[in-house]
N, C-alpha and C. Protein backbone atom coordinates (compact mmCIF):
# COMPACT_ATOMS: atom_id res chain seq x y z
N MET A 1 12.79 24.79 1.02
CA MET A 1 13.32 23.45 0.91
C MET A 1 12.32 22.48 1.53
N PRO A 2 12.08 21.35 0.87
CA PRO A 2 11.12 20.38 1.42
C PRO A 2 11.66 19.76 2.71
N GLU A 3 10.72 19.43 3.59
CA GLU A 3 11.07 18.80 4.86
C GLU A 3 10.98 17.29 4.78
N ALA A 4 10.30 16.78 3.75
CA ALA A 4 10.15 15.33 3.58
C ALA A 4 10.30 14.99 2.11
N ASN A 5 10.89 13.86 1.84
CA ASN A 5 10.97 13.33 0.49
C ASN A 5 10.76 11.82 0.61
N ILE A 6 9.49 11.41 0.51
CA ILE A 6 9.11 10.02 0.73
C ILE A 6 9.20 9.25 -0.58
N VAL A 7 9.92 8.14 -0.56
CA VAL A 7 10.09 7.31 -1.76
C VAL A 7 9.87 5.84 -1.39
N HIS A 8 9.63 5.03 -2.41
CA HIS A 8 9.51 3.59 -2.20
C HIS A 8 10.89 3.02 -1.88
N ALA A 9 10.93 2.08 -0.96
CA ALA A 9 12.17 1.40 -0.60
C ALA A 9 11.91 -0.10 -0.61
N ILE A 10 12.94 -0.87 -0.49
CA ILE A 10 12.80 -2.33 -0.57
C ILE A 10 11.92 -2.87 0.55
N ASN A 11 11.88 -2.19 1.69
CA ASN A 11 11.10 -2.68 2.83
C ASN A 11 9.91 -1.78 3.17
N GLY A 12 9.46 -0.95 2.25
CA GLY A 12 8.33 -0.07 2.50
C GLY A 12 8.59 1.33 1.97
N MET A 13 8.41 2.32 2.81
CA MET A 13 8.60 3.71 2.43
C MET A 13 9.79 4.30 3.20
N TYR A 14 10.46 5.25 2.58
CA TYR A 14 11.71 5.80 3.11
C TYR A 14 11.70 7.32 2.96
N CYS A 15 12.15 8.04 3.97
CA CYS A 15 12.30 9.50 3.89
C CYS A 15 13.76 9.82 3.58
N GLU A 16 14.01 10.34 2.38
CA GLU A 16 15.38 10.65 1.99
C GLU A 16 15.96 11.83 2.77
N ILE A 17 15.12 12.79 3.14
CA ILE A 17 15.61 13.96 3.87
C ILE A 17 16.11 13.56 5.26
N GLN A 18 15.36 12.70 5.95
CA GLN A 18 15.76 12.26 7.29
C GLN A 18 16.62 11.00 7.25
N ALA A 19 16.77 10.40 6.09
CA ALA A 19 17.57 9.19 5.91
C ALA A 19 17.13 8.07 6.85
N GLN A 20 15.81 7.80 6.84
CA GLN A 20 15.30 6.71 7.66
C GLN A 20 14.03 6.13 7.04
N SER A 21 13.82 4.85 7.32
CA SER A 21 12.59 4.19 6.87
C SER A 21 11.43 4.67 7.71
N LEU A 22 10.25 4.72 7.10
CA LEU A 22 9.05 5.07 7.84
C LEU A 22 8.48 3.80 8.47
N ALA A 23 8.13 3.89 9.72
CA ALA A 23 7.51 2.75 10.41
C ALA A 23 6.01 2.80 10.10
N LEU A 24 5.59 1.97 9.16
CA LEU A 24 4.19 1.92 8.74
C LEU A 24 3.63 0.54 9.02
N SER A 25 2.40 0.51 9.50
CA SER A 25 1.65 -0.74 9.62
C SER A 25 0.53 -0.65 8.61
N TRP A 26 0.38 -1.66 7.77
CA TRP A 26 -0.61 -1.63 6.70
C TRP A 26 -1.86 -2.36 7.13
N GLY A 27 -3.02 -1.76 6.88
CA GLY A 27 -4.31 -2.36 7.23
C GLY A 27 -4.91 -3.09 6.05
N VAL A 28 -5.85 -3.99 6.32
CA VAL A 28 -6.51 -4.74 5.25
C VAL A 28 -7.54 -3.88 4.52
N ASP A 29 -7.85 -2.70 5.04
CA ASP A 29 -8.82 -1.80 4.40
C ASP A 29 -8.13 -0.72 3.58
N ASN A 30 -6.90 -0.97 3.16
CA ASN A 30 -6.10 -0.02 2.38
C ASN A 30 -5.72 1.22 3.17
N SER A 31 -5.66 1.10 4.48
CA SER A 31 -5.21 2.21 5.31
C SER A 31 -3.83 1.86 5.86
N ALA A 32 -3.20 2.84 6.48
CA ALA A 32 -1.89 2.61 7.08
C ALA A 32 -1.84 3.34 8.42
N GLN A 33 -0.99 2.84 9.29
CA GLN A 33 -0.74 3.50 10.56
C GLN A 33 0.70 3.99 10.51
N LEU A 34 0.86 5.31 10.61
CA LEU A 34 2.19 5.92 10.57
C LEU A 34 2.68 6.12 11.99
N HIS A 35 3.74 5.43 12.33
CA HIS A 35 4.32 5.55 13.68
C HIS A 35 5.27 6.74 13.71
N CYS A 36 5.36 7.36 14.85
CA CYS A 36 6.17 8.56 15.01
C CYS A 36 7.66 8.23 14.81
N PRO A 37 8.34 8.95 13.90
CA PRO A 37 9.75 8.66 13.65
C PRO A 37 10.70 9.30 14.64
N GLY A 38 10.18 9.98 15.63
CA GLY A 38 11.04 10.67 16.59
C GLY A 38 11.10 12.15 16.26
N VAL A 39 12.25 12.76 16.42
CA VAL A 39 12.40 14.19 16.16
C VAL A 39 12.26 14.45 14.67
N MET A 40 11.44 15.44 14.34
CA MET A 40 11.24 15.78 12.93
C MET A 40 11.13 17.29 12.79
N PRO A 41 11.51 17.82 11.63
CA PRO A 41 11.39 19.27 11.43
C PRO A 41 9.93 19.71 11.35
N SER A 42 9.70 20.98 11.59
CA SER A 42 8.36 21.54 11.47
C SER A 42 7.86 21.34 10.04
N ASP A 43 6.58 21.05 9.89
CA ASP A 43 5.91 20.81 8.61
C ASP A 43 6.26 19.47 7.97
N TRP A 44 7.09 18.65 8.61
CA TRP A 44 7.44 17.35 8.04
C TRP A 44 6.22 16.46 7.92
N LEU A 45 5.38 16.43 8.93
CA LEU A 45 4.25 15.50 8.96
C LEU A 45 3.29 15.73 7.81
N ALA A 46 2.89 16.98 7.59
CA ALA A 46 1.96 17.28 6.49
C ALA A 46 2.56 16.90 5.14
N GLU A 47 3.84 17.19 4.94
CA GLU A 47 4.49 16.84 3.68
C GLU A 47 4.60 15.33 3.53
N ALA A 48 4.93 14.64 4.60
CA ALA A 48 5.05 13.18 4.54
C ALA A 48 3.70 12.53 4.20
N ILE A 49 2.63 13.00 4.83
CA ILE A 49 1.30 12.45 4.54
C ILE A 49 0.92 12.73 3.10
N ASP A 50 1.16 13.95 2.65
CA ASP A 50 0.88 14.32 1.26
C ASP A 50 1.61 13.38 0.30
N GLN A 51 2.88 13.15 0.54
CA GLN A 51 3.68 12.31 -0.35
C GLN A 51 3.29 10.84 -0.24
N LEU A 52 2.87 10.39 0.94
CA LEU A 52 2.39 9.01 1.07
C LEU A 52 1.12 8.79 0.25
N PHE A 53 0.19 9.74 0.30
CA PHE A 53 -1.04 9.61 -0.49
C PHE A 53 -0.74 9.60 -1.99
N ILE A 54 0.29 10.33 -2.41
CA ILE A 54 0.67 10.34 -3.82
C ILE A 54 1.41 9.07 -4.19
N ALA A 55 2.33 8.62 -3.35
CA ALA A 55 3.13 7.43 -3.65
C ALA A 55 2.32 6.15 -3.62
N VAL A 56 1.27 6.12 -2.81
CA VAL A 56 0.43 4.92 -2.68
C VAL A 56 -1.01 5.33 -3.03
N PRO A 57 -1.35 5.30 -4.33
CA PRO A 57 -2.67 5.78 -4.76
C PRO A 57 -3.85 5.03 -4.16
N THR A 58 -3.66 3.80 -3.74
CA THR A 58 -4.76 3.02 -3.16
C THR A 58 -4.94 3.25 -1.66
N LEU A 59 -4.08 4.05 -1.07
CA LEU A 59 -4.14 4.31 0.37
C LEU A 59 -5.40 5.11 0.69
N SER A 60 -6.27 4.53 1.52
CA SER A 60 -7.55 5.18 1.84
C SER A 60 -7.43 6.18 2.98
N GLY A 61 -6.49 5.96 3.88
CA GLY A 61 -6.33 6.86 5.02
C GLY A 61 -5.12 6.50 5.84
N ILE A 62 -4.75 7.40 6.73
CA ILE A 62 -3.58 7.20 7.59
C ILE A 62 -3.99 7.46 9.03
N SER A 63 -3.65 6.52 9.89
CA SER A 63 -3.90 6.66 11.32
C SER A 63 -2.59 7.06 11.99
N LEU A 64 -2.68 8.04 12.87
CA LEU A 64 -1.53 8.47 13.66
C LEU A 64 -1.80 8.09 15.11
N PRO A 65 -1.13 7.07 15.64
CA PRO A 65 -1.39 6.66 17.02
C PRO A 65 -1.17 7.82 17.99
N TRP A 66 -2.23 8.22 18.68
CA TRP A 66 -2.18 9.39 19.54
C TRP A 66 -1.11 9.28 20.61
N ARG A 67 -0.93 8.11 21.18
CA ARG A 67 0.08 7.94 22.24
C ARG A 67 1.48 8.27 21.74
N GLU A 68 1.74 7.97 20.47
CA GLU A 68 3.07 8.23 19.90
C GLU A 68 3.23 9.67 19.44
N TRP A 69 2.15 10.28 18.97
CA TRP A 69 2.21 11.59 18.35
C TRP A 69 1.77 12.73 19.27
N ARG A 70 1.36 12.45 20.50
CA ARG A 70 0.77 13.49 21.35
C ARG A 70 1.73 14.61 21.74
N ASP A 71 3.03 14.42 21.56
CA ASP A 71 4.00 15.46 21.89
C ASP A 71 4.51 16.21 20.66
N ALA A 72 4.02 15.86 19.48
CA ALA A 72 4.46 16.50 18.24
C ALA A 72 3.51 17.65 17.89
N PRO A 73 3.99 18.89 17.85
CA PRO A 73 3.11 20.03 17.58
C PRO A 73 2.34 19.92 16.25
N ASP A 74 3.00 19.43 15.21
CA ASP A 74 2.31 19.30 13.91
C ASP A 74 1.17 18.29 14.00
N ALA A 75 1.38 17.21 14.73
CA ALA A 75 0.33 16.20 14.88
C ALA A 75 -0.83 16.75 15.71
N LEU A 76 -0.52 17.49 16.76
CA LEU A 76 -1.58 18.08 17.58
C LEU A 76 -2.44 19.04 16.76
N ALA A 77 -1.80 19.83 15.91
CA ALA A 77 -2.55 20.74 15.03
C ALA A 77 -3.43 19.94 14.08
N LEU A 78 -2.91 18.84 13.57
CA LEU A 78 -3.68 17.99 12.67
C LEU A 78 -4.86 17.36 13.39
N PHE A 79 -4.64 16.85 14.60
CA PHE A 79 -5.72 16.26 15.40
C PHE A 79 -6.84 17.28 15.62
N GLU A 80 -6.47 18.51 15.92
CA GLU A 80 -7.48 19.55 16.16
C GLU A 80 -8.26 19.87 14.89
N GLN A 81 -7.58 19.86 13.75
CA GLN A 81 -8.26 20.15 12.49
C GLN A 81 -9.27 19.08 12.12
N ILE A 82 -8.88 17.81 12.28
CA ILE A 82 -9.75 16.72 11.80
C ILE A 82 -10.58 16.11 12.92
N GLN A 83 -10.31 16.49 14.18
CA GLN A 83 -11.06 15.99 15.33
C GLN A 83 -11.00 14.47 15.43
N SER A 84 -9.87 13.90 15.10
CA SER A 84 -9.70 12.45 15.13
C SER A 84 -8.21 12.14 14.99
N ASP A 85 -7.86 10.86 15.13
CA ASP A 85 -6.48 10.46 14.87
C ASP A 85 -6.38 9.63 13.59
N PHE A 86 -7.48 9.57 12.82
CA PHE A 86 -7.48 8.91 11.52
C PHE A 86 -7.75 9.97 10.45
N LEU A 87 -6.91 9.99 9.45
CA LEU A 87 -7.00 10.98 8.39
C LEU A 87 -7.33 10.30 7.07
N ALA A 88 -8.56 10.45 6.61
CA ALA A 88 -8.96 9.90 5.32
C ALA A 88 -8.35 10.74 4.20
N ARG A 89 -8.09 10.11 3.07
CA ARG A 89 -7.51 10.80 1.93
C ARG A 89 -8.33 12.05 1.57
N GLU A 90 -9.65 11.88 1.49
CA GLU A 90 -10.52 12.99 1.09
C GLU A 90 -10.45 14.14 2.10
N THR A 91 -10.33 13.80 3.36
CA THR A 91 -10.25 14.83 4.40
C THR A 91 -8.94 15.61 4.28
N PHE A 92 -7.86 14.91 4.02
CA PHE A 92 -6.56 15.58 3.92
C PHE A 92 -6.55 16.64 2.83
N TRP A 93 -7.13 16.31 1.68
CA TRP A 93 -7.11 17.27 0.57
C TRP A 93 -7.97 18.49 0.86
N GLN A 94 -8.85 18.43 1.85
CA GLN A 94 -9.71 19.56 2.18
C GLN A 94 -9.11 20.47 3.25
N LEU A 95 -7.98 20.09 3.84
CA LEU A 95 -7.37 20.91 4.88
C LEU A 95 -6.82 22.20 4.27
N PRO A 96 -6.81 23.30 5.03
CA PRO A 96 -6.33 24.59 4.50
C PRO A 96 -4.83 24.57 4.22
N LEU A 97 -4.51 24.37 2.96
CA LEU A 97 -3.11 24.33 2.51
C LEU A 97 -2.26 23.43 3.40
N TRP A 98 -2.82 22.28 3.72
CA TRP A 98 -2.12 21.28 4.51
C TRP A 98 -1.56 21.87 5.79
N LEU A 99 -2.42 22.58 6.48
CA LEU A 99 -2.16 23.14 7.82
C LEU A 99 -1.25 24.36 7.84
N ARG A 100 -0.96 24.95 6.71
CA ARG A 100 -0.10 26.14 6.71
C ARG A 100 -0.92 27.42 6.73
N ALA A 101 -2.20 27.32 6.41
CA ALA A 101 -3.07 28.50 6.42
C ALA A 101 -3.63 28.69 7.83
N THR A 102 -4.49 29.67 7.98
CA THR A 102 -5.12 29.93 9.27
C THR A 102 -5.94 28.72 9.69
N ARG A 103 -5.75 28.31 10.91
CA ARG A 103 -6.44 27.13 11.41
C ARG A 103 -7.79 27.52 11.99
N ARG A 104 -8.79 26.70 11.72
CA ARG A 104 -10.10 26.94 12.32
C ARG A 104 -10.06 26.48 13.77
N GLN A 105 -10.87 27.09 14.58
CA GLN A 105 -10.93 26.71 15.99
C GLN A 105 -11.74 25.43 16.13
N PRO A 106 -11.26 24.48 16.94
CA PRO A 106 -12.02 23.24 17.12
C PRO A 106 -13.36 23.52 17.78
N THR A 107 -14.34 22.72 17.41
CA THR A 107 -15.68 22.91 17.95
C THR A 107 -15.82 22.34 19.35
N SER A 108 -15.03 21.33 19.67
CA SER A 108 -15.09 20.74 21.01
C SER A 108 -13.72 20.18 21.36
N PRO A 109 -13.43 20.04 22.65
CA PRO A 109 -12.14 19.47 23.04
C PRO A 109 -12.07 17.99 22.65
N LEU A 110 -10.85 17.50 22.53
CA LEU A 110 -10.64 16.10 22.18
C LEU A 110 -10.46 15.27 23.43
N GLN A 111 -10.88 14.01 23.36
CA GLN A 111 -10.67 13.08 24.47
C GLN A 111 -10.10 11.78 23.90
N TYR A 112 -9.24 11.16 24.68
CA TYR A 112 -8.63 9.90 24.27
C TYR A 112 -9.23 8.77 25.09
N ASP A 113 -9.78 7.77 24.41
CA ASP A 113 -10.36 6.59 25.05
C ASP A 113 -9.27 5.53 25.09
N ASP A 114 -8.69 5.33 26.27
CA ASP A 114 -7.58 4.40 26.43
C ASP A 114 -7.98 2.96 26.11
N ALA A 115 -9.19 2.56 26.48
CA ALA A 115 -9.64 1.18 26.25
C ALA A 115 -9.76 0.86 24.77
N ARG A 116 -10.20 1.83 23.97
CA ARG A 116 -10.37 1.61 22.54
C ARG A 116 -9.23 2.19 21.71
N ALA A 117 -8.28 2.87 22.35
CA ALA A 117 -7.17 3.53 21.66
C ALA A 117 -7.69 4.42 20.55
N LEU A 118 -8.62 5.32 20.93
CA LEU A 118 -9.31 6.15 19.95
C LEU A 118 -9.37 7.60 20.43
N LEU A 119 -9.01 8.52 19.56
CA LEU A 119 -9.11 9.94 19.85
C LEU A 119 -10.34 10.49 19.14
N SER A 120 -11.19 11.20 19.87
CA SER A 120 -12.43 11.71 19.28
C SER A 120 -12.86 12.97 20.03
N PRO A 121 -13.79 13.74 19.43
CA PRO A 121 -14.30 14.91 20.15
C PRO A 121 -15.04 14.49 21.42
N ALA A 122 -14.89 15.28 22.46
CA ALA A 122 -15.58 14.99 23.72
C ALA A 122 -17.07 15.23 23.56
N SER A 123 -17.86 14.35 24.15
CA SER A 123 -19.32 14.50 24.11
C SER A 123 -19.75 15.55 25.12
N ASP A 124 -20.76 16.28 24.78
CA ASP A 124 -21.34 17.26 25.69
C ASP A 124 -22.00 16.49 26.83
N ALA A 125 -21.82 16.94 28.05
CA ALA A 125 -22.38 16.23 29.21
C ALA A 125 -23.90 16.10 29.11
N SER A 126 -24.57 17.08 28.52
CA SER A 126 -26.03 17.00 28.41
C SER A 126 -26.46 16.00 27.35
N ALA A 127 -25.56 15.57 26.50
CA ALA A 127 -25.92 14.64 25.42
C ALA A 127 -25.91 13.18 25.87
N ARG A 128 -25.41 12.90 27.03
CA ARG A 128 -25.28 11.52 27.49
C ARG A 128 -26.58 11.05 28.12
N GLY A 129 -27.31 10.21 27.42
CA GLY A 129 -28.50 9.57 27.96
C GLY A 129 -29.72 10.45 28.10
N SER A 130 -29.71 11.60 27.52
CA SER A 130 -30.89 12.45 27.63
C SER A 130 -31.29 12.97 26.26
N LEU A 131 -32.56 13.19 26.11
CA LEU A 131 -33.09 13.75 24.87
C LEU A 131 -33.61 15.14 25.16
N PRO A 132 -33.46 16.05 24.21
CA PRO A 132 -33.97 17.40 24.45
C PRO A 132 -35.50 17.38 24.48
N PRO A 133 -36.10 18.28 25.23
CA PRO A 133 -37.57 18.34 25.27
C PRO A 133 -38.12 18.73 23.91
N LEU A 134 -39.32 18.24 23.62
CA LEU A 134 -39.97 18.55 22.34
C LEU A 134 -40.64 19.88 22.36
């Protein structure tokens, strides 16, 4: 049984399975920010993102605010897969069966930059301000 059924609604997008509107912020670059809807079933996030990309063909990517999603296991798995909190359409289609297959191990730990509200891979300490010898 599907965990998400995203449809167009008068005020944006709506999940029929959870019977609630999705809190989306739309960007001028054809991206959207999906705010955490609260408690959700396992696998809901991947299905919702999949259906959003289908329902809105011009959508270039979806940002998941790390502060809102940091306690959601599905979002944490997604962050580890893409090493970011922004998911481009092209990147999503390359994920292993939308996170249901074996997950690859992340290459580096993630760090959250509070000042820029950005989640990214942590830089290696030796990479900061130094060049390798020739």
